[in-house]
Amino acid sequence: MPSPSVQFSKPRPNILQPAAHSHQEFDADRDAKKLHKACKGMGTDESAIIEILSSRSAEQRQQIKEKYKTVYGKDLGEVLKKDLSGNFEKAALALLDRPCEYSARELQKAMKGIGTNESVLIEILCTRTNKEIRAMKDAYRRLFGKDLESDVKGDTSGSLQKILVSVLQADRDEGNDVDNDLAGQDAKDLYEAGEGRWGTDELAFNNVLAKRNLKQLNATFQAYETLVGKDIEEAIKSETSGDLKTAYLTLVRCARDCPGYFAELLYESMKGAGTDEETLIRIVVTRAEVDLQAIKEKFQEVYQKSLADTICSDTSGDFRKLLVALLH
């Protein structure tokens, strides 16, 4: 029986519902001391580490890191690296980064060495706001002394390179105004650039998908269906292939229902034999203060089981405990 997939046909508002909350009686000094105590001596107190990392905001974790370095003269990340291992270590270290830094590291990892992990580039670059893209570009330069756009250009080519570079301009209109005349014109341009000709003219797709605001895009998708009698996703599937198809579909699905897009990615990372822990960590950590609550709700709605239960049955040990704690 085919696995259920998220239905993207009806747009729903992208309401940001964070799952991670700032800890009310936050005390960076006390947290730094607790973490020091958890890591010194013979054994490691994993439960104390999980409790602190999962219940503090990203900004609070930065303050804990600074306090730890001031008091103990050591980098908290280096200390945890020595004491933890495996996926638990990866998730804990991901939480110690600012979200923009962690995303920058993931992008660099996707491009370094031989071969490129295009799906990671698409997942990160095609789902972020202008502000998030600018922060990632700054973090990338700070961490690696290189320009993110130049590296993306060097590691991709052709049509995929063009859409990723368009997205990297962080030039999307982020207002809420809808111009129905523009939607009709864009729909016509997309038809003429895609199904209405031999080969696909990516310029029109890149211009619309990377620049228009989300409400405007949804109006365009409706106008396209009215004009052509076919859903925009079906048109993309029939006109493009490979990584370009994935990039266009990601942009369309995020405009329609971003939590739905991530719910499906999480499901795909855990279905069948084996688990894609890297994707699991990346989504839970980067969406924790954005829309993780909405992702959980969408997951439950589509797959008829909770995200926490699914993660519990696919992971184990302290890694499982940390991920589940982040969901609450």
Protein backbone atom coordinates (compact mmCIF):
# COMPACT_ATOMS: atom_id res chain seq x y z
CA MET A 1 0.00 0.00 0.00
CA PRO A 2 1.52 3.37 -0.93
CA SER A 3 2.43 5.61 1.98
CA PRO A 4 0.17 8.61 2.50
CA SER A 5 1.65 11.86 1.33
CA VAL A 6 0.94 15.35 2.53
CA GLN A 7 -1.81 17.03 0.56
CA PHE A 8 -0.64 20.43 -0.61
CA SER A 9 -3.57 21.32 -2.83
CA LYS A 10 -5.29 23.64 -0.35
CA PRO A 11 -3.14 26.46 0.96
CA ARG A 12 -3.22 27.02 4.66
CA PRO A 13 -1.76 30.02 6.44
CA ASN A 14 1.84 29.75 7.55
CA ILE A 15 1.25 30.46 11.23
CA LEU A 16 4.51 30.34 13.11
CA GLN A 17 4.09 28.15 16.14
CA PRO A 18 7.34 27.50 17.94
CA ALA A 19 7.71 24.33 19.98
CA ALA A 20 10.71 25.55 21.96
CA HIS A 21 10.04 28.24 24.53
CA SER A 22 12.35 30.52 26.44
CA HIS A 23 12.93 29.12 29.89
CA GLN A 24 11.09 31.40 32.27
CA GLU A 25 13.46 31.57 35.24
CA PHE A 26 16.55 31.42 33.09
CA ASP A 27 19.94 31.68 34.78
CA ALA A 28 22.91 31.17 32.47
CA ASP A 29 25.32 30.91 35.39
CA ARG A 30 23.31 28.15 37.09
CA ASP A 31 22.92 26.25 33.78
CA ALA A 32 26.67 26.49 33.07
CA LYS A 33 27.40 25.07 36.53
CA LYS A 34 24.90 22.23 36.02
CA LEU A 35 26.47 21.33 32.67
CA HIS A 36 29.97 21.45 34.17
CA LYS A 37 28.86 19.12 36.95
CA ALA A 38 27.15 16.83 34.39
CA CYS A 39 30.40 16.44 32.42
CA LYS A 40 33.08 16.22 35.12
CA GLY A 41 34.22 13.09 36.87
CA MET A 42 33.89 9.50 35.71
CA GLY A 43 30.35 9.38 34.31
CA THR A 44 28.27 11.84 32.35
CA ASP A 45 24.84 12.98 33.54
CA GLU A 46 23.06 12.81 30.18
CA SER A 47 19.65 13.61 31.63
CA ALA A 48 20.89 16.98 32.98
CA ILE A 49 22.36 17.81 29.55
CA ILE A 50 19.10 16.86 27.81
CA GLU A 51 16.99 18.86 30.26
CA ILE A 52 18.98 22.07 29.79
CA LEU A 53 19.58 21.89 26.02
CA SER A 54 15.97 20.98 25.18
CA SER A 55 14.22 23.55 27.36
CA ARG A 56 16.22 26.69 26.58
CA SER A 57 15.88 28.92 23.53
CA ALA A 58 18.70 29.23 20.98
CA GLU A 59 19.55 32.67 22.38
CA GLN A 60 19.66 31.33 25.94
CA ARG A 61 21.97 28.49 24.87
CA GLN A 62 24.37 31.12 23.45
CA GLN A 63 24.41 32.84 26.84
CA ILE A 64 25.12 29.52 28.57
CA LYS A 65 28.05 28.89 26.18
CA GLU A 66 29.51 32.33 26.91
CA LYS A 67 29.09 31.91 30.66
CA TYR A 68 30.66 28.43 30.54
CA LYS A 69 33.73 29.78 28.73
CA THR A 70 34.06 32.69 31.15
CA VAL A 71 33.80 30.54 34.27
CA TYR A 72 35.65 27.39 33.18
CA GLY A 73 37.92 28.66 30.39
CA LYS A 74 36.72 25.91 28.06
CA ASP A 75 34.47 25.72 25.04
CA LEU A 76 31.24 23.92 25.97
CA GLY A 77 31.01 22.32 22.52
CA GLU A 78 34.49 20.80 22.91
CA VAL A 79 33.58 19.48 26.36
CA LEU A 80 30.39 17.83 25.08
CA LYS A 81 32.29 16.38 22.10
CA LYS A 82 34.56 14.50 24.50
CA ASP A 83 31.71 13.27 26.68
CA LEU A 84 29.02 12.37 24.14
CA SER A 85 28.97 10.25 21.00
CA GLY A 86 26.95 9.30 17.94
CA ASN A 87 23.70 11.00 17.01
CA PHE A 88 23.19 12.28 20.55
CA GLU A 89 26.46 14.21 20.22
CA LYS A 90 25.46 15.55 16.77
CA ALA A 91 22.07 16.78 18.01
CA ALA A 92 23.54 18.34 21.18
CA LEU A 93 26.22 20.20 19.20
CA ALA A 94 23.60 21.34 16.67
CA LEU A 95 21.67 22.92 19.54
CA LEU A 96 24.77 24.80 20.72
CA ASP A 97 25.03 26.63 17.39
CA ARG A 98 22.92 29.62 16.44
CA PRO A 99 20.33 28.33 13.90
CA CYS A 100 22.00 30.35 11.10
CA GLU A 101 25.42 28.88 11.99
CA TYR A 102 24.13 25.33 12.12
CA SER A 103 22.43 25.77 8.72
CA ALA A 104 25.66 27.26 7.32
CA ARG A 105 27.61 24.21 8.57
CA GLU A 106 25.05 21.88 7.00
CA LEU A 107 25.37 23.71 3.66
CA GLN A 108 29.17 23.55 3.79
CA LYS A 109 29.04 19.83 4.65
CA ALA A 110 26.70 19.26 1.68
CA MET A 111 29.24 20.82 -0.67
CA LYS A 112 32.66 19.83 0.65
CA GLY A 113 34.66 16.96 -0.79
CA ILE A 114 33.75 15.03 -3.91
CA GLY A 115 30.11 15.19 -4.86
CA THR A 116 27.36 17.48 -3.64
CA ASN A 117 24.28 16.68 -1.57
CA GLU A 118 21.83 18.71 -3.67
CA SER A 119 18.80 17.66 -1.64
CA VAL A 120 20.23 19.33 1.49
CA LEU A 121 21.01 22.54 -0.44
CA ILE A 122 17.43 22.59 -1.76
CA GLU A 123 15.85 21.78 1.62
CA ILE A 124 17.70 24.59 3.39
CA LEU A 125 17.87 27.33 0.74
CA CYS A 126 14.34 26.95 -0.68
CA THR A 127 12.56 27.04 2.70
CA ARG A 128 14.05 30.08 4.44
CA THR A 129 12.91 33.68 4.81
CA ASN A 130 14.96 36.61 3.48
CA LYS A 131 16.22 37.34 7.00
CA GLU A 132 17.25 33.71 7.55
CA ILE A 133 19.09 33.57 4.20
CA ARG A 134 20.99 36.76 4.96
CA ALA A 135 21.91 35.43 8.43
CA MET A 136 23.14 32.14 6.90
CA LYS A 137 25.26 34.01 4.35
CA ASP A 138 26.86 36.09 7.12
CA ALA A 139 27.41 32.98 9.28
CA TYR A 140 28.95 31.11 6.34
CA ARG A 141 31.45 33.90 5.72
CA ARG A 142 32.24 34.14 9.44
CA LEU A 143 32.74 30.38 9.89
CA PHE A 144 34.48 29.47 6.63
CA GLY A 145 35.85 32.76 5.32
CA LYS A 146 34.07 32.13 2.02
CA ASP A 147 31.08 33.44 0.12
CA LEU A 148 28.07 31.07 0.22
CA GLU A 149 26.79 32.11 -3.20
CA SER A 150 30.22 31.51 -4.80
CA ASP A 151 30.42 28.06 -3.22
CA VAL A 152 26.90 27.16 -4.39
CA LYS A 153 27.81 28.33 -7.90
CA GLY A 154 30.98 26.24 -7.80
CA ASP A 155 29.16 23.09 -6.69
CA THR A 156 26.04 23.22 -8.84
CA SER A 157 25.38 23.92 -12.50
CA GLY A 158 22.68 24.65 -15.06
CA SER A 159 19.09 25.22 -14.05
CA LEU A 160 19.53 24.12 -10.42
CA GLN A 161 22.33 26.64 -9.96
CA LYS A 162 20.12 29.41 -11.36
CA ILE A 163 17.19 28.81 -9.01
CA LEU A 164 19.45 28.46 -5.94
CA VAL A 165 21.27 31.69 -6.83
CA SER A 166 17.88 33.42 -7.30
CA VAL A 167 16.80 32.26 -3.84
CA LEU A 168 20.13 33.33 -2.31
CA GLN A 169 19.45 36.95 -3.33
CA ALA A 170 16.94 37.04 -0.41
CA ASP A 171 14.79 39.26 -2.57
CA ARG A 172 11.34 37.79 -1.94
CA ASP A 173 8.46 40.19 -1.35
CA GLU A 174 7.36 39.27 2.18
CA GLY A 175 4.21 41.36 2.31
CA ASN A 176 0.63 40.09 2.24
CA ASP A 177 -0.75 42.01 -0.75
CA VAL A 178 -2.28 40.01 -3.59
CA ASP A 179 -2.48 41.43 -7.11
CA ASN A 180 -4.89 39.26 -9.08
CA ASP A 181 -3.88 40.77 -12.41
CA LEU A 182 -0.25 39.92 -11.67
CA ALA A 183 -1.30 36.40 -10.61
CA GLY A 184 -3.03 35.93 -13.97
CA GLN A 185 -0.01 37.27 -15.87
CA ASP A 186 2.41 35.10 -13.87
CA ALA A 187 0.24 32.04 -14.48
CA LYS A 188 0.28 32.78 -18.21
CA ASP A 189 4.07 33.31 -18.15
CA LEU A 190 4.57 30.02 -16.29
CA TYR A 191 2.40 28.17 -18.81
CA GLU A 192 4.22 29.70 -21.76
CA ALA A 193 7.60 29.00 -20.12
CA GLY A 194 6.71 25.39 -19.33
CA GLU A 195 3.93 23.39 -20.90
CA GLY A 196 3.32 25.85 -23.70
CA ARG A 197 6.72 25.31 -25.30
CA TRP A 198 9.37 22.73 -26.06
CA GLY A 199 11.71 22.67 -23.09
CA THR A 200 11.26 24.80 -20.02
CA ASP A 201 12.25 28.45 -19.76
CA GLU A 202 13.51 28.56 -16.18
CA LEU A 203 13.74 32.35 -16.07
CA ALA A 204 9.99 32.80 -15.68
CA PHE A 205 9.82 30.07 -13.00
CA ASN A 206 12.78 31.51 -11.08
CA ASN A 207 11.40 35.03 -11.22
CA VAL A 208 7.99 34.02 -9.88
CA LEU A 209 8.93 31.29 -7.37
CA ALA A 210 11.86 33.16 -5.79
CA LYS A 211 10.40 36.68 -5.73
CA ARG A 212 6.64 36.70 -5.06
CA ASN A 213 5.13 36.71 -1.58
CA LEU A 214 3.44 33.51 -0.38
CA LYS A 215 -0.15 34.76 -0.72
CA GLN A 216 0.63 36.05 -4.20
CA LEU A 217 2.11 32.66 -5.16
CA ASN A 218 -1.04 30.87 -4.00
CA ALA A 219 -3.15 33.24 -6.11
CA THR A 220 -0.86 32.44 -9.08
CA PHE A 221 -1.22 28.68 -8.53
CA GLN A 222 -5.02 29.04 -8.51
CA ALA A 223 -4.91 31.18 -11.65
CA TYR A 224 -2.68 28.56 -13.30
CA GLU A 225 -5.14 25.78 -12.54
CA THR A 226 -8.01 27.87 -13.90
CA LEU A 227 -6.05 28.73 -17.04
CA VAL A 228 -4.53 25.32 -17.79
CA GLY A 229 -6.83 22.90 -15.98
CA LYS A 230 -3.84 21.34 -14.24
CA ASP A 231 -2.27 21.82 -10.81
CA ILE A 232 1.09 23.62 -10.90
CA GLU A 233 2.79 20.66 -9.18
CA GLU A 234 1.61 18.31 -11.93
CA ALA A 235 2.95 20.73 -14.54
CA ILE A 236 6.35 20.91 -12.80
CA LYS A 237 6.51 17.10 -12.58
CA SER A 238 5.78 16.72 -16.29
CA GLU A 239 8.09 19.53 -17.45
CA THR A 240 11.17 19.14 -15.22
CA SER A 241 13.18 16.35 -13.67
CA GLY A 242 15.84 15.61 -11.07
CA ASP A 243 17.08 18.31 -8.72
CA LEU A 244 15.39 21.15 -10.59
CA LYS A 245 12.02 19.43 -10.15
CA THR A 246 12.77 18.97 -6.42
CA ALA A 247 13.71 22.64 -6.03
CA TYR A 248 10.58 23.94 -7.80
CA LEU A 249 8.30 21.56 -5.89
CA THR A 250 9.92 22.59 -2.59
CA LEU A 251 9.24 26.27 -3.32
CA VAL A 252 5.62 25.53 -4.32
CA ARG A 253 4.95 23.29 -1.32
CA CYS A 254 6.47 25.75 1.14
CA ALA A 255 4.34 28.54 -0.28
CA ARG A 256 1.25 26.35 0.17
CA ASP A 257 2.00 24.72 3.50
CA CYS A 258 5.50 24.87 4.97
CA PRO A 259 4.71 22.67 8.02
CA GLY A 260 3.23 20.09 5.61
CA TYR A 261 6.45 20.09 3.59
CA PHE A 262 8.58 19.39 6.69
CA ALA A 263 6.10 16.80 8.04
CA GLU A 264 6.52 14.84 4.82
CA LEU A 265 10.34 15.12 4.96
CA LEU A 266 10.28 13.80 8.54
CA TYR A 267 8.04 10.91 7.54
CA GLU A 268 10.30 10.03 4.60
CA SER A 269 13.36 10.14 6.88
CA MET A 270 11.89 7.43 9.11
CA LYS A 271 9.82 5.16 6.87
CA GLY A 272 11.08 1.77 5.80
CA ALA A 273 14.30 0.16 6.99
CA GLY A 274 16.85 2.52 8.48
CA THR A 275 16.51 6.11 9.59
CA ASP A 276 18.00 9.26 8.09
CA GLU A 277 19.16 10.73 11.41
CA GLU A 278 20.86 13.72 9.78
CA THR A 279 17.56 14.95 8.32
CA LEU A 280 15.77 14.22 11.58
CA ILE A 281 18.24 16.33 13.58
CA ARG A 282 18.30 19.13 11.00
CA ILE A 283 14.54 19.59 10.85
CA VAL A 284 13.82 19.28 14.58
CA VAL A 285 16.67 21.65 15.51
CA THR A 286 16.14 24.29 12.81
CA ARG A 287 12.32 24.40 13.06
CA ALA A 288 12.16 24.23 16.89
CA GLU A 289 11.57 27.97 17.24
CA VAL A 290 9.86 28.49 13.90
CA ASP A 291 6.95 26.11 13.24
CA LEU A 292 7.65 22.77 14.95
CA GLN A 293 4.27 22.84 16.69
CA ALA A 294 2.49 23.16 13.34
CA ILE A 295 4.70 20.42 11.85
CA LYS A 296 3.69 18.08 14.70
CA GLU A 297 0.01 18.81 14.08
CA LYS A 298 0.34 18.25 10.33
CA PHE A 299 2.23 14.99 10.90
CA GLN A 300 -0.53 13.71 13.19
CA GLU A 301 -3.23 14.78 10.73
CA VAL A 302 -1.66 13.12 7.68
CA TYR A 303 -0.08 9.99 9.13
CA GLN A 304 -2.53 9.33 11.97
CA LYS A 305 0.25 8.96 14.54
CA SER A 306 2.21 11.41 16.58
CA LEU A 307 5.64 12.61 15.52
CA ALA A 308 6.95 11.82 19.02
CA ASP A 309 5.75 8.19 18.82
CA THR A 310 7.26 7.81 15.34
CA ILE A 311 10.60 9.18 16.53
CA CYS A 312 10.45 6.90 19.59
CA SER A 313 10.03 3.81 17.43
CA ASP A 314 12.85 4.83 15.05
CA THR A 315 15.53 6.06 17.46
CA SER A 316 16.95 4.96 20.78
CA GLY A 317 18.85 5.98 23.90
CA ASP A 318 19.77 9.55 24.76
CA PHE A 319 19.36 10.64 21.14
CA ARG A 320 15.70 9.63 21.31
CA LYS A 321 15.24 11.34 24.70
CA LEU A 322 16.70 14.62 23.40
CA LEU A 323 14.58 14.69 20.23
CA VAL A 324 11.39 13.88 22.13
CA ALA A 325 12.20 16.54 24.75
CA LEU A 326 12.60 19.12 21.94
CA LEU A 327 9.10 18.27 20.67
CA HIS A 328 7.46 19.30 23.96
